[in-house]
Amino acid sequence: MLRFAFVVGVAVGISLMAGVVPSSQAQPARPVVVLLASDQAAYQLGSSVTFTIAADNPGPDPTTLTFSSGQRYDIVVMSGEAEVWRWSNERAFTAVFGESSFPSGLTLLGRETWDWRDNSGAPLPPGTYRVIGSIASVPPQQGNVLEITLSP
């Protein structure tokens, strides 16, 4: 069973990507809700996490978002204020502007598996970690924050 937490995606002034337009020049927030879920809340050493990320358009009409590359979403794991893992790390995306339309309702963006290793490939110690999902639109839209725990 997936655990969901809901937060309205706020675009102005939030950036998980370097080089994003400053908030004073950013467009207004889009009516899309970014949803991130994990397959459980607590994990044992040796287990993997499955994340599901989706976009919910609560309005009656389709919403179109602009993207500066082929990347459509990202997932970031934090330990305290430090980023320890990013799904898009060392991935290549097409460098072409594009648009995606989100119909009214829920749109699945992806499912990703993570093995509790940091961006350099080193295993993480047991502890509690925060996970943030986002849509990589221009400007980006951040979603809810999950807490997951790794036990020995």
C-alpha atoms as a PDB file:
ATOM      1  CA  MET A   1       0.000   0.000   0.000  1.00  0.00           C
ATOM      2  CA  LEU A   2       1.341   3.443  -0.886  1.00  0.00           C
ATOM      3  CA  ARG A   3       1.542   6.263   1.645  1.00  0.00           C
ATOM      4  CA  PHE A   4       0.468   9.621   0.190  1.00  0.00           C
ATOM      5  CA  ALA A   5       0.857  13.097   1.599  1.00  0.00           C
ATOM      6  CA  PHE A   6      -0.703  15.982  -0.288  1.00  0.00           C
ATOM      7  CA  VAL A   7       0.697  19.483  -0.699  1.00  0.00           C
ATOM      8  CA  VAL A   8      -0.228  22.053  -3.311  1.00  0.00           C
ATOM      9  CA  GLY A   9       2.731  22.634  -5.623  1.00  0.00           C
ATOM     10  CA  VAL A  10       4.065  26.139  -5.121  1.00  0.00           C
ATOM     11  CA  ALA A  11       6.201  27.474  -7.920  1.00  0.00           C
ATOM     12  CA  VAL A  12       7.194  30.971  -6.821  1.00  0.00           C
ATOM     13  CA  GLY A  13      10.546  31.122  -5.055  1.00  0.00           C
ATOM     14  CA  ILE A  14      11.088  27.368  -4.752  1.00  0.00           C
ATOM     15  CA  SER A  15      13.985  25.881  -6.612  1.00  0.00           C
ATOM     16  CA  LEU A  16      15.450  22.395  -6.503  1.00  0.00           C
ATOM     17  CA  MET A  17      17.433  23.117  -9.667  1.00  0.00           C
ATOM     18  CA  ALA A  18      20.311  25.542 -10.168  1.00  0.00           C
ATOM     19  CA  GLY A  19      19.822  28.337 -12.652  1.00  0.00           C
ATOM     20  CA  VAL A  20      16.069  28.748 -12.221  1.00  0.00           C
ATOM     21  CA  VAL A  21      14.561  32.186 -12.805  1.00  0.00           C
ATOM     22  CA  PRO A  22      14.545  34.259  -9.578  1.00  0.00           C
ATOM     23  CA  SER A  23      11.177  34.405  -7.818  1.00  0.00           C
ATOM     24  CA  SER A  24      10.734  38.086  -8.693  1.00  0.00           C
ATOM     25  CA  GLN A  25      10.608  37.047 -12.374  1.00  0.00           C
ATOM     26  CA  ALA A  26       8.837  33.692 -11.939  1.00  0.00           C
ATOM     27  CA  GLN A  27       5.414  32.927 -13.310  1.00  0.00           C
ATOM     28  CA  PRO A  28       2.472  32.425 -10.942  1.00  0.00           C
ATOM     29  CA  ALA A  29       1.897  28.997  -9.425  1.00  0.00           C
ATOM     30  CA  ARG A  30       0.122  26.455 -11.614  1.00  0.00           C
ATOM     31  CA  PRO A  31      -2.912  24.564 -10.332  1.00  0.00           C
ATOM     32  CA  VAL A  32      -1.078  21.211 -10.127  1.00  0.00           C
ATOM     33  CA  VAL A  33      -0.567  19.184  -6.960  1.00  0.00           C
ATOM     34  CA  VAL A  34       2.650  17.137  -6.822  1.00  0.00           C
ATOM     35  CA  LEU A  35       2.206  13.833  -4.973  1.00  0.00           C
ATOM     36  CA  LEU A  36       5.044  11.624  -3.730  1.00  0.00           C
ATOM     37  CA  ALA A  37       4.481   8.265  -2.048  1.00  0.00           C
ATOM     38  CA  SER A  38       6.702   5.478  -0.741  1.00  0.00           C
ATOM     39  CA  ASP A  39       5.751   1.818  -0.465  1.00  0.00           C
ATOM     40  CA  GLN A  40       6.277   1.903   3.324  1.00  0.00           C
ATOM     41  CA  ALA A  41       7.460   4.242   6.082  1.00  0.00           C
ATOM     42  CA  ALA A  42      10.193   2.094   7.670  1.00  0.00           C
ATOM     43  CA  TYR A  43      12.824  -0.119   6.065  1.00  0.00           C
ATOM     44  CA  GLN A  44      15.452  -2.610   7.195  1.00  0.00           C
ATOM     45  CA  LEU A  45      19.065  -2.637   5.973  1.00  0.00           C
ATOM     46  CA  GLY A  46      19.217  -4.425   2.638  1.00  0.00           C
ATOM     47  CA  SER A  47      15.727  -3.404   1.513  1.00  0.00           C
ATOM     48  CA  SER A  48      14.890  -0.975  -1.288  1.00  0.00           C
ATOM     49  CA  VAL A  49      12.415   1.903  -1.398  1.00  0.00           C
ATOM     50  CA  THR A  50       9.894   2.316  -4.199  1.00  0.00           C
ATOM     51  CA  PHE A  51       8.750   5.886  -4.785  1.00  0.00           C
ATOM     52  CA  THR A  52       5.705   6.813  -6.849  1.00  0.00           C
ATOM     53  CA  ILE A  53       5.379  10.377  -8.101  1.00  0.00           C
ATOM     54  CA  ALA A  54       2.245  11.812  -9.687  1.00  0.00           C
ATOM     55  CA  ALA A  55       0.643  15.124 -10.616  1.00  0.00           C
ATOM     56  CA  ASP A  56      -2.953  15.958  -9.767  1.00  0.00           C
ATOM     57  CA  ASN A  57      -4.760  18.648 -11.724  1.00  0.00           C
ATOM     58  CA  PRO A  58      -7.743  19.463  -9.470  1.00  0.00           C
ATOM     59  CA  GLY A  59      -9.267  21.833 -12.010  1.00  0.00           C
ATOM     60  CA  PRO A  60     -11.812  20.928 -14.687  1.00  0.00           C
ATOM     61  CA  ASP A  61      -9.545  21.943 -17.612  1.00  0.00           C
ATOM     62  CA  PRO A  62      -6.163  20.598 -18.764  1.00  0.00           C
ATOM     63  CA  THR A  63      -3.087  22.460 -17.515  1.00  0.00           C
ATOM     64  CA  THR A  64       0.027  22.804 -19.654  1.00  0.00           C
ATOM     65  CA  LEU A  65       3.468  23.071 -18.060  1.00  0.00           C
ATOM     66  CA  THR A  66       6.687  24.092 -19.791  1.00  0.00           C
ATOM     67  CA  PHE A  67       9.916  22.114 -19.367  1.00  0.00           C
ATOM     68  CA  SER A  68      13.479  23.149 -20.248  1.00  0.00           C
ATOM     69  CA  SER A  69      14.588  19.556 -20.895  1.00  0.00           C
ATOM     70  CA  GLY A  70      13.286  16.019 -21.225  1.00  0.00           C
ATOM     71  CA  GLN A  71      13.264  15.679 -17.425  1.00  0.00           C
ATOM     72  CA  ARG A  72       9.715  15.702 -16.053  1.00  0.00           C
ATOM     73  CA  TYR A  73      10.248  15.083 -12.321  1.00  0.00           C
ATOM     74  CA  ASP A  74      12.849  14.648  -9.612  1.00  0.00           C
ATOM     75  CA  ILE A  75      13.098  13.000  -6.207  1.00  0.00           C
ATOM     76  CA  VAL A  76      15.553  14.241  -3.564  1.00  0.00           C
ATOM     77  CA  VAL A  77      16.518  12.545  -0.271  1.00  0.00           C
ATOM     78  CA  MET A  78      17.778  14.803   2.529  1.00  0.00           C
ATOM     79  CA  SER A  79      19.560  14.082   5.797  1.00  0.00           C
ATOM     80  CA  GLY A  80      19.013  17.179   7.871  1.00  0.00           C
ATOM     81  CA  GLU A  81      19.723  20.044   5.453  1.00  0.00           C
ATOM     82  CA  ALA A  82      22.138  18.010   3.318  1.00  0.00           C
ATOM     83  CA  GLU A  83      21.115  16.369   0.055  1.00  0.00           C
ATOM     84  CA  VAL A  84      22.254  12.735   0.065  1.00  0.00           C
ATOM     85  CA  TRP A  85      20.552  11.370  -3.075  1.00  0.00           C
ATOM     86  CA  ARG A  86      18.885  12.809  -6.150  1.00  0.00           C
ATOM     87  CA  TRP A  87      17.117  10.620  -8.703  1.00  0.00           C
ATOM     88  CA  SER A  88      18.333  12.774 -11.623  1.00  0.00           C
ATOM     89  CA  ASN A  89      21.990  12.703 -10.482  1.00  0.00           C
ATOM     90  CA  GLU A  90      24.239  11.573 -13.344  1.00  0.00           C
ATOM     91  CA  ARG A  91      21.267  11.108 -15.711  1.00  0.00           C
ATOM     92  CA  ALA A  92      21.202  12.742 -19.114  1.00  0.00           C
ATOM     93  CA  PHE A  93      18.102  14.503 -20.431  1.00  0.00           C
ATOM     94  CA  THR A  94      17.421  16.023 -23.819  1.00  0.00           C
ATOM     95  CA  ALA A  95      18.157  19.759 -23.802  1.00  0.00           C
ATOM     96  CA  VAL A  96      14.984  20.785 -25.629  1.00  0.00           C
ATOM     97  CA  PHE A  97      12.191  23.014 -24.357  1.00  0.00           C
ATOM     98  CA  GLY A  98       8.835  21.260 -24.395  1.00  0.00           C
ATOM     99  CA  GLU A  99       5.363  21.257 -22.929  1.00  0.00           C
ATOM    100  CA  SER A 100       3.248  18.596 -21.276  1.00  0.00           C
ATOM    101  CA  SER A 101      -0.478  18.812 -20.786  1.00  0.00           C
ATOM    102  CA  PHE A 102      -2.002  17.441 -17.587  1.00  0.00           C
ATOM    103  CA  PRO A 103      -5.694  16.538 -17.884  1.00  0.00           C
ATOM    104  CA  SER A 104      -8.065  17.003 -14.991  1.00  0.00           C
ATOM    105  CA  GLY A 105      -7.323  14.346 -12.383  1.00  0.00           C
ATOM    106  CA  LEU A 106      -4.285  12.238 -11.550  1.00  0.00           C
ATOM    107  CA  THR A 107      -1.347  11.632 -13.921  1.00  0.00           C
ATOM    108  CA  LEU A 108       1.321   9.086 -12.989  1.00  0.00           C
ATOM    109  CA  LEU A 109       4.783  10.515 -13.664  1.00  0.00           C
ATOM    110  CA  GLY A 110       6.944   7.589 -12.587  1.00  0.00           C
ATOM    111  CA  ARG A 111       7.991   4.889 -10.151  1.00  0.00           C
ATOM    112  CA  GLU A 112      11.597   4.767  -9.015  1.00  0.00           C
ATOM    113  CA  THR A 113      13.515   2.340  -6.803  1.00  0.00           C
ATOM    114  CA  TRP A 114      16.252   3.508  -4.448  1.00  0.00           C
ATOM    115  CA  ASP A 115      18.741   1.271  -2.601  1.00  0.00           C
ATOM    116  CA  TRP A 116      19.718   3.595   0.304  1.00  0.00           C
ATOM    117  CA  ARG A 117      22.960   4.703  -1.365  1.00  0.00           C
ATOM    118  CA  ASP A 118      24.049   8.324  -1.636  1.00  0.00           C
ATOM    119  CA  ASN A 119      24.941  10.143  -4.860  1.00  0.00           C
ATOM    120  CA  SER A 120      28.481   8.711  -4.744  1.00  0.00           C
ATOM    121  CA  GLY A 121      27.229   5.125  -4.293  1.00  0.00           C
ATOM    122  CA  ALA A 122      28.093   4.782  -0.587  1.00  0.00           C
ATOM    123  CA  PRO A 123      25.493   3.085   1.660  1.00  0.00           C
ATOM    124  CA  LEU A 124      23.668   5.407   4.055  1.00  0.00           C
ATOM    125  CA  PRO A 125      23.637   4.762   7.805  1.00  0.00           C
ATOM    126  CA  PRO A 126      20.415   3.948   9.639  1.00  0.00           C
ATOM    127  CA  GLY A 127      18.330   7.016  10.432  1.00  0.00           C
ATOM    128  CA  THR A 128      15.378   9.112   9.358  1.00  0.00           C
ATOM    129  CA  TYR A 129      15.468  10.854   5.982  1.00  0.00           C
ATOM    130  CA  ARG A 130      13.210  13.422   4.287  1.00  0.00           C
ATOM    131  CA  VAL A 131      12.171  12.859   0.676  1.00  0.00           C
ATOM    132  CA  ILE A 132      10.871  15.595  -1.626  1.00  0.00           C
ATOM    133  CA  GLY A 133       9.242  15.108  -5.022  1.00  0.00           C
ATOM    134  CA  SER A 134       9.034  17.833  -7.638  1.00  0.00           C
ATOM    135  CA  ILE A 135       7.938  18.458 -11.200  1.00  0.00           C
ATOM    136  CA  ALA A 136      10.895  19.784 -13.226  1.00  0.00           C
ATOM    137  CA  SER A 137       8.800  22.442 -14.974  1.00  0.00           C
ATOM    138  CA  VAL A 138       9.791  26.075 -15.503  1.00  0.00           C
ATOM    139  CA  PRO A 139       9.476  27.158 -12.752  1.00  0.00           C
ATOM    140  CA  PRO A 140       9.715  23.861 -10.812  1.00  0.00           C
ATOM    141  CA  GLN A 141       6.832  22.741  -8.613  1.00  0.00           C
ATOM    142  CA  GLN A 142       7.693  21.133  -5.296  1.00  0.00           C
ATOM    143  CA  GLY A 143       5.418  18.582  -3.680  1.00  0.00           C
ATOM    144  CA  ASN A 144       4.956  17.001  -0.327  1.00  0.00           C
ATOM    145  CA  VAL A 145       7.740  15.873   2.006  1.00  0.00           C
ATOM    146  CA  LEU A 146       7.891  12.256   3.204  1.00  0.00           C
ATOM    147  CA  GLU A 147       9.841  10.905   6.146  1.00  0.00           C
ATOM    148  CA  ILE A 148      11.269   7.415   5.808  1.00  0.00           C
ATOM    149  CA  THR A 149      13.387   5.482   8.282  1.00  0.00           C
ATOM    150  CA  LEU A 150      16.182   2.964   7.790  1.00  0.00           C
ATOM    151  CA  SER A 151      16.760   0.584  10.717  1.00  0.00           C
ATOM    152  CA  PRO A 152      19.704  -1.776  11.301  1.00  0.00           C
END
